[in-house]
């Protein structure tokens, strides 16, 4: 902790948004460097300069905090472009997604989070609310935008397309446990778009 941080924290109550941002940053650092087991309220409170009481007030479990921290960390890397060229935009977004999954510091915690969510209902709810549903909705909205502009068949089932495209990545990561390096993203997108015609 820097002297500036110590001085600032000594001047009274910080705005809740600032505290929350620092807690999420601390949780993200712990998650990405040490894994799920490091994300405890005690460790995060210490690293983030907040009280454990505050963490208990905002998150029902350390797993729920880890899920939100992961989303906050990956949000910018997974922004969805809309250049008007659906094929290119899907390739760009999926390439960024695969790069994220292929980074051991990020892909391993993602696998841990998804695995832990199978037995931790609070983590599962937080994961769905803060990561998987928002990410899915961004993809669905880009596909709907293409439908409105005529770049994608109006009858195309956007949910099936999302399952095909991102499901292929998750399948390799979580089920087959193989490298995503040999996934031909351009071909994956081409096949999905061809099937939607």
C-alpha atoms as a PDB file:
ATOM      1  CA  UNK A   1       0.000   0.000   0.000  1.00  0.00           C
ATOM      2  CA  UNK A   2       1.430   3.404  -0.953  1.00  0.00           C
ATOM      3  CA  UNK A   3       1.863   6.356   1.439  1.00  0.00           C
ATOM      4  CA  UNK A   4      -0.755   8.227  -0.603  1.00  0.00           C
ATOM      5  CA  UNK A   5      -3.262   5.431  -0.076  1.00  0.00           C
ATOM      6  CA  UNK A   6      -2.541   5.345   3.643  1.00  0.00           C
ATOM      7  CA  UNK A   7      -2.951   9.131   3.867  1.00  0.00           C
ATOM      8  CA  UNK A   8      -6.197   9.113   1.874  1.00  0.00           C
ATOM      9  CA  UNK A   9      -7.663   6.294   3.936  1.00  0.00           C
ATOM     10  CA  UNK A  10      -6.807   8.145   7.126  1.00  0.00           C
ATOM     11  CA  UNK A  11      -8.906  11.183   6.123  1.00  0.00           C
ATOM     12  CA  UNK A  12     -12.284   9.623   6.710  1.00  0.00           C
ATOM     13  CA  UNK A  13     -14.839   7.675   4.834  1.00  0.00           C
ATOM     14  CA  UNK A  14     -14.179   6.967   1.158  1.00  0.00           C
ATOM     15  CA  UNK A  15     -16.977   6.977  -1.415  1.00  0.00           C
ATOM     16  CA  UNK A  16     -18.607   3.555  -1.754  1.00  0.00           C
ATOM     17  CA  UNK A  17     -17.834   3.405  -5.491  1.00  0.00           C
ATOM     18  CA  UNK A  18     -14.136   3.925  -4.785  1.00  0.00           C
ATOM     19  CA  UNK A  19     -14.095   1.253  -2.090  1.00  0.00           C
ATOM     20  CA  UNK A  20     -15.940  -1.180  -4.338  1.00  0.00           C
ATOM     21  CA  UNK A  21     -13.535  -0.565  -7.234  1.00  0.00           C
ATOM     22  CA  UNK A  22     -10.507  -1.157  -5.014  1.00  0.00           C
ATOM     23  CA  UNK A  23     -12.023  -4.310  -3.540  1.00  0.00           C
ATOM     24  CA  UNK A  24     -12.770  -5.678  -7.017  1.00  0.00           C
ATOM     25  CA  UNK A  25      -9.245  -4.831  -8.161  1.00  0.00           C
ATOM     26  CA  UNK A  26      -7.783  -6.616  -5.123  1.00  0.00           C
ATOM     27  CA  UNK A  27     -10.014  -9.661  -5.637  1.00  0.00           C
ATOM     28  CA  UNK A  28      -9.056  -9.757  -9.297  1.00  0.00           C
ATOM     29  CA  UNK A  29      -5.326  -9.623  -8.491  1.00  0.00           C
ATOM     30  CA  UNK A  30      -5.672 -12.481  -5.996  1.00  0.00           C
ATOM     31  CA  UNK A  31      -7.810 -14.539  -8.366  1.00  0.00           C
ATOM     32  CA  UNK A  32      -5.455 -14.148 -11.318  1.00  0.00           C
ATOM     33  CA  UNK A  33      -2.220 -14.643  -9.394  1.00  0.00           C
ATOM     34  CA  UNK A  34      -3.160 -17.234  -6.785  1.00  0.00           C
ATOM     35  CA  UNK A  35      -6.472 -18.737  -7.882  1.00  0.00           C
ATOM     36  CA  UNK A  36      -9.894 -19.121  -6.302  1.00  0.00           C
ATOM     37  CA  UNK A  37      -8.591 -20.334  -2.945  1.00  0.00           C
ATOM     38  CA  UNK A  38      -6.908 -16.955  -2.373  1.00  0.00           C
ATOM     39  CA  UNK A  39     -10.157 -14.997  -2.723  1.00  0.00           C
ATOM     40  CA  UNK A  40     -11.294 -14.936   0.886  1.00  0.00           C
ATOM     41  CA  UNK A  41     -13.028 -11.999   2.530  1.00  0.00           C
ATOM     42  CA  UNK A  42     -10.123 -11.676   4.961  1.00  0.00           C
ATOM     43  CA  UNK A  43      -7.466 -11.482   2.207  1.00  0.00           C
ATOM     44  CA  UNK A  44      -9.510  -9.225  -0.054  1.00  0.00           C
ATOM     45  CA  UNK A  45     -10.427  -6.861   2.788  1.00  0.00           C
ATOM     46  CA  UNK A  46      -6.767  -6.519   3.696  1.00  0.00           C
ATOM     47  CA  UNK A  47      -5.589  -6.060   0.087  1.00  0.00           C
ATOM     48  CA  UNK A  48      -8.474  -3.756  -0.862  1.00  0.00           C
ATOM     49  CA  UNK A  49      -8.398  -1.573   2.230  1.00  0.00           C
ATOM     50  CA  UNK A  50     -11.963  -2.360   3.261  1.00  0.00           C
ATOM     51  CA  UNK A  51     -13.591  -4.036   6.219  1.00  0.00           C
ATOM     52  CA  UNK A  52     -14.828  -7.615   6.093  1.00  0.00           C
ATOM     53  CA  UNK A  53     -18.218  -6.251   7.198  1.00  0.00           C
ATOM     54  CA  UNK A  54     -18.382  -4.207   3.993  1.00  0.00           C
ATOM     55  CA  UNK A  55     -17.579  -7.258   1.889  1.00  0.00           C
ATOM     56  CA  UNK A  56     -20.253  -9.322   3.646  1.00  0.00           C
ATOM     57  CA  UNK A  57     -22.731  -6.513   2.998  1.00  0.00           C
ATOM     58  CA  UNK A  58     -21.993  -6.374  -0.735  1.00  0.00           C
ATOM     59  CA  UNK A  59     -21.351 -10.019  -1.610  1.00  0.00           C
ATOM     60  CA  UNK A  60     -23.009 -13.181  -0.242  1.00  0.00           C
ATOM     61  CA  UNK A  61     -19.819 -15.227  -0.579  1.00  0.00           C
ATOM     62  CA  UNK A  62     -16.178 -14.969  -1.670  1.00  0.00           C
ATOM     63  CA  UNK A  63     -17.158 -16.894  -4.808  1.00  0.00           C
ATOM     64  CA  UNK A  64     -19.710 -14.241  -5.740  1.00  0.00           C
ATOM     65  CA  UNK A  65     -17.040 -11.575  -5.231  1.00  0.00           C
ATOM     66  CA  UNK A  66     -14.593 -13.543  -7.402  1.00  0.00           C
ATOM     67  CA  UNK A  67     -17.168 -13.802 -10.199  1.00  0.00           C
ATOM     68  CA  UNK A  68     -17.794 -10.059 -10.240  1.00  0.00           C
ATOM     69  CA  UNK A  69     -14.065  -9.334 -10.048  1.00  0.00           C
ATOM     70  CA  UNK A  70     -13.431 -11.588 -13.036  1.00  0.00           C
ATOM     71  CA  UNK A  71     -16.057  -9.798 -15.095  1.00  0.00           C
ATOM     72  CA  UNK A  72     -14.694  -6.381 -14.133  1.00  0.00           C
ATOM     73  CA  UNK A  73     -11.202  -7.463 -15.196  1.00  0.00           C
ATOM     74  CA  UNK A  74     -12.255  -9.014 -18.516  1.00  0.00           C
ATOM     75  CA  UNK A  75     -14.936  -6.530 -19.565  1.00  0.00           C
ATOM     76  CA  UNK A  76     -12.725  -4.211 -21.625  1.00  0.00           C
ATOM     77  CA  UNK A  77     -10.868  -7.099 -23.274  1.00  0.00           C
ATOM     78  CA  UNK A  78     -14.169  -8.572 -24.434  1.00  0.00           C
ATOM     79  CA  UNK A  79     -15.888  -5.492 -25.806  1.00  0.00           C
ATOM     80  CA  UNK A  80     -17.990  -6.328 -28.836  1.00  0.00           C
ATOM     81  CA  UNK A  81     -17.273  -4.297 -31.995  1.00  0.00           C
ATOM     82  CA  UNK A  82     -19.977  -3.251 -34.445  1.00  0.00           C
ATOM     83  CA  UNK A  83     -18.250  -2.092 -37.616  1.00  0.00           C
ATOM     84  CA  UNK A  84     -21.047  -3.188 -39.911  1.00  0.00           C
ATOM     85  CA  UNK A  85     -19.133  -6.297 -41.010  1.00  0.00           C
ATOM     86  CA  UNK A  86     -20.617  -9.130 -38.942  1.00  0.00           C
ATOM     87  CA  UNK A  87     -18.091 -11.767 -39.991  1.00  0.00           C
ATOM     88  CA  UNK A  88     -15.146  -9.526 -39.128  1.00  0.00           C
ATOM     89  CA  UNK A  89     -16.712  -8.423 -35.834  1.00  0.00           C
ATOM     90  CA  UNK A  90     -17.356 -12.009 -34.734  1.00  0.00           C
ATOM     91  CA  UNK A  91     -13.803 -13.012 -35.649  1.00  0.00           C
ATOM     92  CA  UNK A  92     -12.411 -10.014 -33.738  1.00  0.00           C
ATOM     93  CA  UNK A  93     -14.457 -10.719 -30.616  1.00  0.00           C
ATOM     94  CA  UNK A  94     -13.856 -14.483 -30.619  1.00  0.00           C
ATOM     95  CA  UNK A  95     -10.131 -13.935 -31.216  1.00  0.00           C
ATOM     96  CA  UNK A  96     -10.014 -11.673 -28.142  1.00  0.00           C
ATOM     97  CA  UNK A  97     -12.014 -14.244 -26.167  1.00  0.00           C
ATOM     98  CA  UNK A  98      -9.732 -17.120 -27.167  1.00  0.00           C
ATOM     99  CA  UNK A  99      -6.653 -15.014 -26.355  1.00  0.00           C
ATOM    100  CA  UNK A 100      -8.099 -14.403 -22.897  1.00  0.00           C
ATOM    101  CA  UNK A 101      -8.847 -18.105 -22.358  1.00  0.00           C
ATOM    102  CA  UNK A 102      -5.410 -19.090 -23.651  1.00  0.00           C
ATOM    103  CA  UNK A 103      -3.672 -16.888 -21.079  1.00  0.00           C
ATOM    104  CA  UNK A 104      -3.052 -19.255 -18.150  1.00  0.00           C
ATOM    105  CA  UNK A 105      -3.396 -16.385 -15.694  1.00  0.00           C
ATOM    106  CA  UNK A 106      -6.947 -15.800 -16.938  1.00  0.00           C
ATOM    107  CA  UNK A 107      -8.108 -19.125 -18.395  1.00  0.00           C
ATOM    108  CA  UNK A 108      -7.301 -21.135 -15.259  1.00  0.00           C
ATOM    109  CA  UNK A 109      -9.328 -18.895 -12.914  1.00  0.00           C
ATOM    110  CA  UNK A 110     -12.202 -18.994 -15.409  1.00  0.00           C
ATOM    111  CA  UNK A 111     -12.175 -22.793 -15.287  1.00  0.00           C
ATOM    112  CA  UNK A 112     -12.037 -22.666 -11.475  1.00  0.00           C
ATOM    113  CA  UNK A 113     -14.960 -20.248 -11.312  1.00  0.00           C
ATOM    114  CA  UNK A 114     -17.133 -22.342 -13.624  1.00  0.00           C
ATOM    115  CA  UNK A 115     -16.219 -25.515 -11.751  1.00  0.00           C
ATOM    116  CA  UNK A 116     -16.936 -23.993  -8.338  1.00  0.00           C
ATOM    117  CA  UNK A 117     -20.245 -22.587  -9.588  1.00  0.00           C
ATOM    118  CA  UNK A 118     -21.537 -26.153 -10.004  1.00  0.00           C
ATOM    119  CA  UNK A 119     -21.639 -26.599  -6.217  1.00  0.00           C
ATOM    120  CA  UNK A 120     -21.821 -23.003  -4.919  1.00  0.00           C
ATOM    121  CA  UNK A 121     -25.295 -21.521  -5.580  1.00  0.00           C
ATOM    122  CA  UNK A 122     -24.236 -17.992  -4.604  1.00  0.00           C
ATOM    123  CA  UNK A 123     -21.286 -18.100  -6.976  1.00  0.00           C
ATOM    124  CA  UNK A 124     -23.495 -19.613  -9.696  1.00  0.00           C
ATOM    125  CA  UNK A 125     -26.016 -16.776  -9.332  1.00  0.00           C
ATOM    126  CA  UNK A 126     -23.294 -14.120  -9.353  1.00  0.00           C
ATOM    127  CA  UNK A 127     -21.573 -15.731 -12.348  1.00  0.00           C
ATOM    128  CA  UNK A 128     -24.820 -15.787 -14.299  1.00  0.00           C
ATOM    129  CA  UNK A 129     -25.767 -12.233 -13.339  1.00  0.00           C
ATOM    130  CA  UNK A 130     -22.390 -10.526 -13.680  1.00  0.00           C
ATOM    131  CA  UNK A 131     -20.663 -12.506 -16.423  1.00  0.00           C
ATOM    132  CA  UNK A 132     -22.412 -15.134 -18.519  1.00  0.00           C
ATOM    133  CA  UNK A 133     -25.753 -13.406 -19.143  1.00  0.00           C
ATOM    134  CA  UNK A 134     -24.266  -9.950 -19.844  1.00  0.00           C
ATOM    135  CA  UNK A 135     -21.664 -11.491 -22.189  1.00  0.00           C
ATOM    136  CA  UNK A 136     -24.363 -13.512 -23.946  1.00  0.00           C
ATOM    137  CA  UNK A 137     -26.598 -10.462 -24.304  1.00  0.00           C
ATOM    138  CA  UNK A 138     -23.786  -8.461 -25.948  1.00  0.00           C
ATOM    139  CA  UNK A 139     -23.386 -11.207 -28.549  1.00  0.00           C
ATOM    140  CA  UNK A 140     -27.146 -11.491 -29.082  1.00  0.00           C
ATOM    141  CA  UNK A 141     -27.447  -7.732 -29.534  1.00  0.00           C
ATOM    142  CA  UNK A 142     -24.661  -7.691 -32.160  1.00  0.00           C
ATOM    143  CA  UNK A 143     -26.410 -10.487 -34.051  1.00  0.00           C
ATOM    144  CA  UNK A 144     -29.783  -8.703 -33.795  1.00  0.00           C
ATOM    145  CA  UNK A 145     -28.118  -5.539 -35.107  1.00  0.00           C
ATOM    146  CA  UNK A 146     -26.961  -7.537 -38.138  1.00  0.00           C
ATOM    147  CA  UNK A 147     -30.497  -8.824 -38.614  1.00  0.00           C
ATOM    148  CA  UNK A 148     -31.884  -5.276 -38.551  1.00  0.00           C
ATOM    149  CA  UNK A 149     -29.332  -4.108 -41.118  1.00  0.00           C
ATOM    150  CA  UNK A 150     -29.842  -7.112 -43.398  1.00  0.00           C
ATOM    151  CA  UNK A 151     -26.420  -8.625 -42.697  1.00  0.00           C
ATOM    152  CA  UNK A 152     -27.981 -11.708 -41.123  1.00  0.00           C
ATOM    153  CA  UNK A 153     -31.126 -13.611 -42.021  1.00  0.00           C
ATOM    154  CA  UNK A 154     -34.049 -12.283 -39.979  1.00  0.00           C
ATOM    155  CA  UNK A 155     -35.073 -15.882 -39.193  1.00  0.00           C
ATOM    156  CA  UNK A 156     -31.647 -16.850 -37.817  1.00  0.00           C
ATOM    157  CA  UNK A 157     -31.781 -18.167 -34.251  1.00  0.00           C
ATOM    158  CA  UNK A 158     -29.296 -15.899 -32.477  1.00  0.00           C
ATOM    159  CA  UNK A 159     -29.272 -18.048 -29.332  1.00  0.00           C
ATOM    160  CA  UNK A 160     -28.185 -21.113 -31.278  1.00  0.00           C
ATOM    161  CA  UNK A 161     -25.499 -19.053 -33.000  1.00  0.00           C
ATOM    162  CA  UNK A 162     -24.142 -17.872 -29.638  1.00  0.00           C
ATOM    163  CA  UNK A 163     -24.123 -21.480 -28.411  1.00  0.00           C
ATOM    164  CA  UNK A 164     -22.255 -22.591 -31.522  1.00  0.00           C
ATOM    165  CA  UNK A 165     -19.620 -19.888 -31.488  1.00  0.00           C
ATOM    166  CA  UNK A 166     -18.776 -19.432 -27.806  1.00  0.00           C
ATOM    167  CA  UNK A 167     -19.822 -22.958 -26.871  1.00  0.00           C
ATOM    168  CA  UNK A 168     -17.064 -24.329 -29.108  1.00  0.00           C
ATOM    169  CA  UNK A 169     -14.508 -22.383 -27.064  1.00  0.00           C
ATOM    170  CA  UNK A 170     -15.885 -23.438 -23.687  1.00  0.00           C
ATOM    171  CA  UNK A 171     -16.115 -27.066 -24.865  1.00  0.00           C
ATOM    172  CA  UNK A 172     -12.423 -27.139 -25.721  1.00  0.00           C
ATOM    173  CA  UNK A 173     -11.435 -25.375 -22.519  1.00  0.00           C
ATOM    174  CA  UNK A 174     -13.613 -27.246 -20.014  1.00  0.00           C
ATOM    175  CA  UNK A 175     -14.544 -30.602 -21.539  1.00  0.00           C
ATOM    176  CA  UNK A 176     -11.755 -31.579 -23.929  1.00  0.00           C
ATOM    177  CA  UNK A 177      -9.131 -29.604 -21.969  1.00  0.00           C
ATOM    178  CA  UNK A 178      -7.128 -28.956 -25.120  1.00  0.00           C
ATOM    179  CA  UNK A 179      -5.357 -25.868 -26.379  1.00  0.00           C
ATOM    180  CA  UNK A 180      -7.473 -23.344 -28.218  1.00  0.00           C
ATOM    181  CA  UNK A 181      -4.496 -22.364 -30.367  1.00  0.00           C
ATOM    182  CA  UNK A 182      -5.551 -24.637 -33.207  1.00  0.00           C
ATOM    183  CA  UNK A 183      -9.167 -23.427 -33.239  1.00  0.00           C
ATOM    184  CA  UNK A 184      -9.775 -21.899 -36.663  1.00  0.00           C
ATOM    185  CA  UNK A 185     -11.930 -18.957 -35.632  1.00  0.00           C
ATOM    186  CA  UNK A 186     -12.486 -17.709 -39.164  1.00  0.00           C
ATOM    187  CA  UNK A 187     -13.816 -21.118 -40.203  1.00  0.00           C
ATOM    188  CA  UNK A 188     -15.951 -21.392 -37.046  1.00  0.00           C
ATOM    189  CA  UNK A 189     -17.583 -18.043 -37.823  1.00  0.00           C
ATOM    190  CA  UNK A 190     -17.986 -18.903 -41.504  1.00  0.00           C
ATOM    191  CA  UNK A 191     -19.753 -22.179 -40.716  1.00  0.00           C
ATOM    192  CA  UNK A 192     -22.049 -20.535 -38.145  1.00  0.00           C
ATOM    193  CA  UNK A 193     -23.033 -17.775 -40.567  1.00  0.00           C
ATOM    194  CA  UNK A 194     -23.501 -20.237 -43.402  1.00  0.00           C
ATOM    195  CA  UNK A 195     -25.806 -22.323 -41.218  1.00  0.00           C
ATOM    196  CA  UNK A 196     -27.849 -19.245 -40.352  1.00  0.00           C
ATOM    197  CA  UNK A 197     -28.676 -18.476 -44.008  1.00  0.00           C
END
